Amino acid sequence: MAIIIKAEEKFLDVISKLPESYTDDEFVEKFKELYAKDWDKVARRYQDHERQNQNKKKKSHPMPEPKKYVLNISHKLRKK
């Protein structure tokens, strides 16, 4: 199940509100500003993974940190 519903639509909206040559940090900040609830969902899911990982004492979990998670999706969309 996707964490961010209608991610492509939302990410394209963020990109449309940024200057042509924006940085990754600018993208993340604009995403957080426009879609705070989605950002919170990503952060909560990451924290859940971290908590589960600590309880099971496994090496790591597959979810990247929230900033990296959002950037990974944005980079995939930019390649389209």
PDB file of N, CA and C in Angstrom:
ATOM      1  N   MET A   1       0.838  -1.184   0.000  1.00  0.00           N
ATOM      2  CA  MET A   1       0.000   0.000   0.000  1.00  0.00           C
ATOM      3  C   MET A   1       0.885   1.249   0.000  1.00  0.00           C
ATOM      4  N   ALA A   2       0.549   2.163  -0.829  1.00  0.00           N
ATOM      5  CA  ALA A   2       1.341   3.388  -0.957  1.00  0.00           C
ATOM      6  C   ALA A   2       1.144   4.284   0.262  1.00  0.00           C
ATOM      7  N   ILE A   3       2.200   4.921   0.675  1.00  0.00           N
ATOM      8  CA  ILE A   3       2.113   5.852   1.801  1.00  0.00           C
ATOM      9  C   ILE A   3       1.503   7.163   1.325  1.00  0.00           C
ATOM     10  N   ILE A   4       1.929   7.620   0.165  1.00  0.00           N
ATOM     11  CA  ILE A   4       1.427   8.873  -0.387  1.00  0.00           C
ATOM     12  C   ILE A   4       0.445   8.544  -1.509  1.00  0.00           C
ATOM     13  N   ILE A   5      -0.821   8.838  -1.263  1.00  0.00           N
ATOM     14  CA  ILE A   5      -1.859   8.589  -2.264  1.00  0.00           C
ATOM     15  C   ILE A   5      -1.773   9.686  -3.329  1.00  0.00           C
ATOM     16  N   LYS A   6      -1.887   9.277  -4.599  1.00  0.00           N
ATOM     17  CA  LYS A   6      -1.792  10.197  -5.736  1.00  0.00           C
ATOM     18  C   LYS A   6      -0.452  10.943  -5.721  1.00  0.00           C
ATOM     19  N   ALA A   7       0.607  10.194  -5.455  1.00  0.00           N
ATOM     20  CA  ALA A   7       1.942  10.794  -5.326  1.00  0.00           C
ATOM     21  C   ALA A   7       2.357  11.557  -6.574  1.00  0.00           C
ATOM     22  N   GLU A   8       2.157  10.965  -7.744  1.00  0.00           N
ATOM     23  CA  GLU A   8       2.600  11.624  -8.970  1.00  0.00           C
ATOM     24  C   GLU A   8       1.936  12.986  -9.125  1.00  0.00           C
ATOM     25  N   GLU A   9       0.651  13.044  -8.890  1.00  0.00           N
ATOM     26  CA  GLU A   9      -0.091  14.299  -8.998  1.00  0.00           C
ATOM     27  C   GLU A   9       0.448  15.341  -8.004  1.00  0.00           C
ATOM     28  N   LYS A  10       0.678  14.913  -6.792  1.00  0.00           N
ATOM     29  CA  LYS A  10       1.173  15.828  -5.756  1.00  0.00           C
ATOM     30  C   LYS A  10       2.594  16.292  -6.043  1.00  0.00           C
ATOM     31  N   PHE A  11       3.428  15.391  -6.500  1.00  0.00           N
ATOM     32  CA  PHE A  11       4.816  15.747  -6.776  1.00  0.00           C
ATOM     33  C   PHE A  11       4.900  16.700  -7.966  1.00  0.00           C
ATOM     34  N   LEU A  12       4.078  16.473  -8.969  1.00  0.00           N
ATOM     35  CA  LEU A  12       4.064  17.393 -10.106  1.00  0.00           C
ATOM     36  C   LEU A  12       3.559  18.772  -9.684  1.00  0.00           C
ATOM     37  N   ASP A  13       2.622  18.806  -8.750  1.00  0.00           N
ATOM     38  CA  ASP A  13       2.141  20.073  -8.206  1.00  0.00           C
ATOM     39  C   ASP A  13       3.273  20.806  -7.487  1.00  0.00           C
ATOM     40  N   VAL A  14       4.034  20.089  -6.695  1.00  0.00           N
ATOM     41  CA  VAL A  14       5.171  20.700  -5.987  1.00  0.00           C
ATOM     42  C   VAL A  14       6.166  21.265  -6.992  1.00  0.00           C
ATOM     43  N   ILE A  15       6.499  20.475  -7.991  1.00  0.00           N
ATOM     44  CA  ILE A  15       7.467  20.908  -9.010  1.00  0.00           C
ATOM     45  C   ILE A  15       6.964  22.159  -9.722  1.00  0.00           C
ATOM     46  N   SER A  16       5.663  22.228  -9.983  1.00  0.00           N
ATOM     47  CA  SER A  16       5.121  23.390 -10.696  1.00  0.00           C
ATOM     48  C   SER A  16       5.219  24.678  -9.881  1.00  0.00           C
ATOM     49  N   LYS A  17       5.387  24.554  -8.599  1.00  0.00           N
ATOM     50  CA  LYS A  17       5.461  25.727  -7.733  1.00  0.00           C
ATOM     51  C   LYS A  17       6.903  26.109  -7.364  1.00  0.00           C
ATOM     52  N   LEU A  18       7.846  25.441  -7.978  1.00  0.00           N
ATOM     53  CA  LEU A  18       9.266  25.716  -7.719  1.00  0.00           C
ATOM     54  C   LEU A  18       9.919  26.352  -8.939  1.00  0.00           C
ATOM     55  N   PRO A  19      11.033  27.074  -8.728  1.00  0.00           N
ATOM     56  CA  PRO A  19      11.763  27.597  -9.885  1.00  0.00           C
ATOM     57  C   PRO A  19      12.315  26.441 -10.728  1.00  0.00           C
ATOM     58  N   GLU A  20      12.654  26.739 -11.950  1.00  0.00           N
ATOM     59  CA  GLU A  20      13.100  25.705 -12.878  1.00  0.00           C
ATOM     60  C   GLU A  20      14.302  24.911 -12.362  1.00  0.00           C
ATOM     61  N   SER A  21      15.241  25.580 -11.759  1.00  0.00           N
ATOM     62  CA  SER A  21      16.439  24.891 -11.253  1.00  0.00           C
ATOM     63  C   SER A  21      16.394  24.836  -9.725  1.00  0.00           C
ATOM     64  N   TYR A  22      15.513  23.999  -9.209  1.00  0.00           N
ATOM     65  CA  TYR A  22      15.366  23.864  -7.761  1.00  0.00           C
ATOM     66  C   TYR A  22      16.287  22.776  -7.223  1.00  0.00           C
ATOM     67  N   THR A  23      16.569  22.871  -5.932  1.00  0.00           N
ATOM     68  CA  THR A  23      17.418  21.870  -5.274  1.00  0.00           C
ATOM     69  C   THR A  23      16.539  20.814  -4.605  1.00  0.00           C
ATOM     70  N   ASP A  24      17.148  19.729  -4.212  1.00  0.00           N
ATOM     71  CA  ASP A  24      16.422  18.684  -3.496  1.00  0.00           C
ATOM     72  C   ASP A  24      15.843  19.228  -2.189  1.00  0.00           C
ATOM     73  N   ASP A  25      16.626  20.037  -1.492  1.00  0.00           N
ATOM     74  CA  ASP A  25      16.146  20.615  -0.230  1.00  0.00           C
ATOM     75  C   ASP A  25      14.931  21.510  -0.455  1.00  0.00           C
ATOM     76  N   GLU A  26      14.958  22.290  -1.524  1.00  0.00           N
ATOM     77  CA  GLU A  26      13.811  23.148  -1.843  1.00  0.00           C
ATOM     78  C   GLU A  26      12.577  22.293  -2.141  1.00  0.00           C
ATOM     79  N   PHE A  27      12.778  21.195  -2.854  1.00  0.00           N
ATOM     80  CA  PHE A  27      11.668  20.307  -3.172  1.00  0.00           C
ATOM     81  C   PHE A  27      11.046  19.750  -1.895  1.00  0.00           C
ATOM     82  N   VAL A  28      11.883  19.245  -1.005  1.00  0.00           N
ATOM     83  CA  VAL A  28      11.390  18.650   0.238  1.00  0.00           C
ATOM     84  C   VAL A  28      10.657  19.694   1.076  1.00  0.00           C
ATOM     85  N   GLU A  29      11.208  20.878   1.193  1.00  0.00           N
ATOM     86  CA  GLU A  29      10.554  21.928   1.982  1.00  0.00           C
ATOM     87  C   GLU A  29       9.200  22.325   1.390  1.00  0.00           C
ATOM     88  N   LYS A  30       9.129  22.426   0.074  1.00  0.00           N
ATOM     89  CA  LYS A  30       7.861  22.776  -0.573  1.00  0.00           C
ATOM     90  C   LYS A  30       6.846  21.643  -0.406  1.00  0.00           C
ATOM     91  N   PHE A  31       7.315  20.409  -0.508  1.00  0.00           N
ATOM     92  CA  PHE A  31       6.425  19.267  -0.294  1.00  0.00           C
ATOM     93  C   PHE A  31       5.861  19.293   1.127  1.00  0.00           C
ATOM     94  N   LYS A  32       6.721  19.534   2.104  1.00  0.00           N
ATOM     95  CA  LYS A  32       6.289  19.598   3.497  1.00  0.00           C
ATOM     96  C   LYS A  32       5.275  20.728   3.705  1.00  0.00           C
ATOM     97  N   GLU A  33       5.492  21.829   3.025  1.00  0.00           N
ATOM     98  CA  GLU A  33       4.591  22.979   3.134  1.00  0.00           C
ATOM     99  C   GLU A  33       3.219  22.675   2.522  1.00  0.00           C
ATOM    100  N   LEU A  34       3.224  22.103   1.329  1.00  0.00           N
ATOM    101  CA  LEU A  34       1.974  21.865   0.607  1.00  0.00           C
ATOM    102  C   LEU A  34       1.231  20.615   1.065  1.00  0.00           C
ATOM    103  N   TYR A  35       1.967  19.610   1.470  1.00  0.00           N
ATOM    104  CA  TYR A  35       1.378  18.317   1.812  1.00  0.00           C
ATOM    105  C   TYR A  35       1.877  17.838   3.177  1.00  0.00           C
ATOM    106  N   ALA A  36       1.613  18.650   4.173  1.00  0.00           N
ATOM    107  CA  ALA A  36       2.094  18.359   5.535  1.00  0.00           C
ATOM    108  C   ALA A  36       1.559  17.024   6.056  1.00  0.00           C
ATOM    109  N   LYS A  37       0.309  16.713   5.752  1.00  0.00           N
ATOM    110  CA  LYS A  37      -0.265  15.451   6.229  1.00  0.00           C
ATOM    111  C   LYS A  37       0.449  14.253   5.610  1.00  0.00           C
ATOM    112  N   ASP A  38       0.772  14.351   4.333  1.00  0.00           N
ATOM    113  CA  ASP A  38       1.504  13.263   3.674  1.00  0.00           C
ATOM    114  C   ASP A  38       2.913  13.143   4.250  1.00  0.00           C
ATOM    115  N   TRP A  39       3.552  14.277   4.505  1.00  0.00           N
ATOM    116  CA  TRP A  39       4.885  14.250   5.102  1.00  0.00           C
ATOM    117  C   TRP A  39       4.823  13.564   6.476  1.00  0.00           C
ATOM    118  N   ASP A  40       3.801  13.899   7.251  1.00  0.00           N
ATOM    119  CA  ASP A  40       3.639  13.287   8.569  1.00  0.00           C
ATOM    120  C   ASP A  40       3.422  11.778   8.458  1.00  0.00           C
ATOM    121  N   LYS A  41       2.663  11.350   7.445  1.00  0.00           N
ATOM    122  CA  LYS A  41       2.442   9.914   7.241  1.00  0.00           C
ATOM    123  C   LYS A  41       3.759   9.201   6.937  1.00  0.00           C
ATOM    124  N   VAL A  42       4.584   9.805   6.093  1.00  0.00           N
ATOM    125  CA  VAL A  42       5.877   9.210   5.756  1.00  0.00           C
ATOM    126  C   VAL A  42       6.749   9.131   7.009  1.00  0.00           C
ATOM    127  N   ALA A  43       6.791  10.215   7.767  1.00  0.00           N
ATOM    128  CA  ALA A  43       7.618  10.254   8.978  1.00  0.00           C
ATOM    129  C   ALA A  43       7.129   9.226  10.004  1.00  0.00           C
ATOM    130  N   ARG A  44       5.813   9.116  10.181  1.00  0.00           N
ATOM    131  CA  ARG A  44       5.273   8.133  11.127  1.00  0.00           C
ATOM    132  C   ARG A  44       5.586   6.709  10.695  1.00  0.00           C
ATOM    133  N   ARG A  45       5.449   6.447   9.404  1.00  0.00           N
ATOM    134  CA  ARG A  45       5.741   5.097   8.901  1.00  0.00           C
ATOM    135  C   ARG A  45       7.214   4.764   9.131  1.00  0.00           C
ATOM    136  N   TYR A  46       8.082   5.734   8.886  1.00  0.00           N
ATOM    137  CA  TYR A  46       9.512   5.510   9.122  1.00  0.00           C
ATOM    138  C   TYR A  46       9.767   5.225  10.605  1.00  0.00           C
ATOM    139  N   GLN A  47       9.146   6.005  11.480  1.00  0.00           N
ATOM    140  CA  GLN A  47       9.310   5.791  12.925  1.00  0.00           C
ATOM    141  C   GLN A  47       8.793   4.412  13.337  1.00  0.00           C
ATOM    142  N   ASP A  48       7.698   3.981  12.736  1.00  0.00           N
ATOM    143  CA  ASP A  48       7.180   2.636  13.017  1.00  0.00           C
ATOM    144  C   ASP A  48       8.198   1.577  12.631  1.00  0.00           C
ATOM    145  N   HIS A  49       8.804   1.730  11.463  1.00  0.00           N
ATOM    146  CA  HIS A  49       9.829   0.784  11.016  1.00  0.00           C
ATOM    147  C   HIS A  49      11.019   0.792  11.972  1.00  0.00           C
ATOM    148  N   GLU A  50      11.420   1.969  12.393  1.00  0.00           N
ATOM    149  CA  GLU A  50      12.541   2.080  13.329  1.00  0.00           C
ATOM    150  C   GLU A  50      12.210   1.376  14.651  1.00  0.00           C
ATOM    151  N   ARG A  51      11.018   1.605  15.151  1.00  0.00           N
ATOM    152  CA  ARG A  51      10.594   1.005  16.419  1.00  0.00           C
ATOM    153  C   ARG A  51      10.535  -0.518  16.297  1.00  0.00           C
ATOM    154  N   GLN A  52       9.966  -1.007  15.211  1.00  0.00           N
ATOM    155  CA  GLN A  52       9.886  -2.454  15.000  1.00  0.00           C
ATOM    156  C   GLN A  52      11.279  -3.053  14.888  1.00  0.00           C
ATOM    157  N   ASN A  53      12.156  -2.337  14.246  1.00  0.00           N
ATOM    158  CA  ASN A  53      13.522  -2.809  14.058  1.00  0.00           C
ATOM    159  C   ASN A  53      14.243  -2.922  15.402  1.00  0.00           C
ATOM    160  N   GLN A  54      14.033  -1.959  16.285  1.00  0.00           N
ATOM    161  CA  GLN A  54      14.668  -1.989  17.601  1.00  0.00           C
ATOM    162  C   GLN A  54      14.147  -3.159  18.422  1.00  0.00           C
ATOM    163  N   ASN A  55      12.862  -3.432  18.308  1.00  0.00           N
ATOM    164  CA  ASN A  55      12.270  -4.532  19.065  1.00  0.00           C
ATOM    165  C   ASN A  55      12.777  -5.888  18.596  1.00  0.00           C
ATOM    166  N   LYS A  56      13.048  -5.996  17.313  1.00  0.00           N
ATOM    167  CA  LYS A  56      13.485  -7.280  16.759  1.00  0.00           C
ATOM    168  C   LYS A  56      14.997  -7.389  16.665  1.00  0.00           C
ATOM    169  N   LYS A  57      15.694  -6.303  16.913  1.00  0.00           N
ATOM    170  CA  LYS A  57      17.164  -6.249  16.886  1.00  0.00           C
ATOM    171  C   LYS A  57      17.736  -6.729  15.549  1.00  0.00           C
ATOM    172  N   LYS A  58      17.027  -6.407  14.476  1.00  0.00           N
ATOM    173  CA  LYS A  58      17.538  -6.717  13.142  1.00  0.00           C
ATOM    174  C   LYS A  58      18.484  -5.609  12.719  1.00  0.00           C
ATOM    175  N   LYS A  59      19.231  -5.873  11.685  1.00  0.00           N
ATOM    176  CA  LYS A  59      20.211  -4.893  11.218  1.00  0.00           C
ATOM    177  C   LYS A  59      19.560  -3.623  10.691  1.00  0.00           C
ATOM    178  N   SER A  60      18.597  -3.752   9.809  1.00  0.00           N
ATOM    179  CA  SER A  60      17.978  -2.566   9.223  1.00  0.00           C
ATOM    180  C   SER A  60      16.628  -2.923   8.621  1.00  0.00           C
ATOM    181  N   HIS A  61      15.940  -1.900   8.187  1.00  0.00           N
ATOM    182  CA  HIS A  61      14.673  -2.104   7.492  1.00  0.00           C
ATOM    183  C   HIS A  61      14.797  -1.434   6.125  1.00  0.00           C
ATOM    184  N   PRO A  62      13.921  -1.781   5.188  1.00  0.00           N
ATOM    185  CA  PRO A  62      14.082  -1.299   3.821  1.00  0.00           C
ATOM    186  C   PRO A  62      13.666   0.148   3.568  1.00  0.00           C
ATOM    187  N   MET A  63      12.963   0.774   4.501  1.00  0.00           N
ATOM    188  CA  MET A  63      12.478   2.128   4.236  1.00  0.00           C
ATOM    189  C   MET A  63      13.564   3.159   4.516  1.00  0.00           C
ATOM    190  N   PRO A  64      13.825   4.032   3.524  1.00  0.00           N
ATOM    191  CA  PRO A  64      14.799   5.109   3.753  1.00  0.00           C
ATOM    192  C   PRO A  64      14.208   6.195   4.653  1.00  0.00           C
ATOM    193  N   GLU A  65      15.053   7.072   5.139  1.00  0.00           N
ATOM    194  CA  GLU A  65      14.593   8.195   5.946  1.00  0.00           C
ATOM    195  C   GLU A  65      13.575   9.003   5.146  1.00  0.00           C
ATOM    196  N   PRO A  66      12.666   9.721   5.820  1.00  0.00           N
ATOM    197  CA  PRO A  66      11.587  10.431   5.113  1.00  0.00           C
ATOM    198  C   PRO A  66      12.066  11.338   3.976  1.00  0.00           C
ATOM    199  N   LYS A  67      13.107  12.112   4.209  1.00  0.00           N
ATOM    200  CA  LYS A  67      13.598  13.006   3.148  1.00  0.00           C
ATOM    201  C   LYS A  67      14.033  12.197   1.930  1.00  0.00           C
ATOM    202  N   LYS A  68      14.772  11.134   2.162  1.00  0.00           N
ATOM    203  CA  LYS A  68      15.254  10.293   1.067  1.00  0.00           C
ATOM    204  C   LYS A  68      14.087   9.583   0.370  1.00  0.00           C
ATOM    205  N   TYR A  69      13.104   9.167   1.130  1.00  0.00           N
ATOM    206  CA  TYR A  69      11.923   8.505   0.571  1.00  0.00           C
ATOM    207  C   TYR A  69      11.224   9.422  -0.433  1.00  0.00           C
ATOM    208  N   VAL A  70      10.990  10.666  -0.017  1.00  0.00           N
ATOM    209  CA  VAL A  70      10.316  11.642  -0.876  1.00  0.00           C
ATOM    210  C   VAL A  70      11.173  11.954  -2.100  1.00  0.00           C
ATOM    211  N   LEU A  71      12.467  12.112  -1.897  1.00  0.00           N
ATOM    212  CA  LEU A  71      13.356  12.421  -3.031  1.00  0.00           C
ATOM    213  C   LEU A  71      13.439  11.259  -4.016  1.00  0.00           C
ATOM    214  N   ASN A  72      13.424  10.036  -3.533  1.00  0.00           N
ATOM    215  CA  ASN A  72      13.457   8.885  -4.434  1.00  0.00           C
ATOM    216  C   ASN A  72      12.260   8.909  -5.382  1.00  0.00           C
ATOM    217  N   ILE A  73      11.090   9.196  -4.844  1.00  0.00           N
ATOM    218  CA  ILE A  73       9.897   9.270  -5.688  1.00  0.00           C
ATOM    219  C   ILE A  73      10.021  10.431  -6.675  1.00  0.00           C
ATOM    220  N   SER A  74      10.485  11.589  -6.203  1.00  0.00           N
ATOM    221  CA  SER A  74      10.604  12.747  -7.092  1.00  0.00           C
ATOM    222  C   SER A  74      11.598  12.487  -8.219  1.00  0.00           C
ATOM    223  N   HIS A  75      12.686  11.795  -7.914  1.00  0.00           N
ATOM    224  CA  HIS A  75      13.685  11.516  -8.949  1.00  0.00           C
ATOM    225  C   HIS A  75      13.126  10.559 -10.010  1.00  0.00           C
ATOM    226  N   LYS A  76      12.320   9.595  -9.579  1.00  0.00           N
ATOM    227  CA  LYS A  76      11.689   8.677 -10.537  1.00  0.00           C
ATOM    228  C   LYS A  76      10.759   9.457 -11.475  1.00  0.00           C
ATOM    229  N   LEU A  77      10.019  10.402 -10.918  1.00  0.00           N
ATOM    230  CA  LEU A  77       9.097  11.192 -11.740  1.00  0.00           C
ATOM    231  C   LEU A  77       9.839  12.106 -12.709  1.00  0.00           C
ATOM    232  N   ARG A  78      10.946  12.655 -12.285  1.00  0.00           N
ATOM    233  CA  ARG A  78      11.721  13.541 -13.165  1.00  0.00           C
ATOM    234  C   ARG A  78      12.258  12.799 -14.378  1.00  0.00           C
ATOM    235  N   LYS A  79      12.514  11.511 -14.227  1.00  0.00           N
ATOM    236  CA  LYS A  79      13.053  10.712 -15.332  1.00  0.00           C
ATOM    237  C   LYS A  79      12.001  10.419 -16.385  1.00  0.00           C
ATOM    238  N   LYS A  80      10.713  10.528 -16.014  1.00  0.00           N
ATOM    239  CA  LYS A  80       9.631  10.224 -16.963  1.00  0.00           C
ATOM    240  C   LYS A  80       9.554  11.246 -18.066  1.00  0.00           C
TER     241      LYS A  80
END
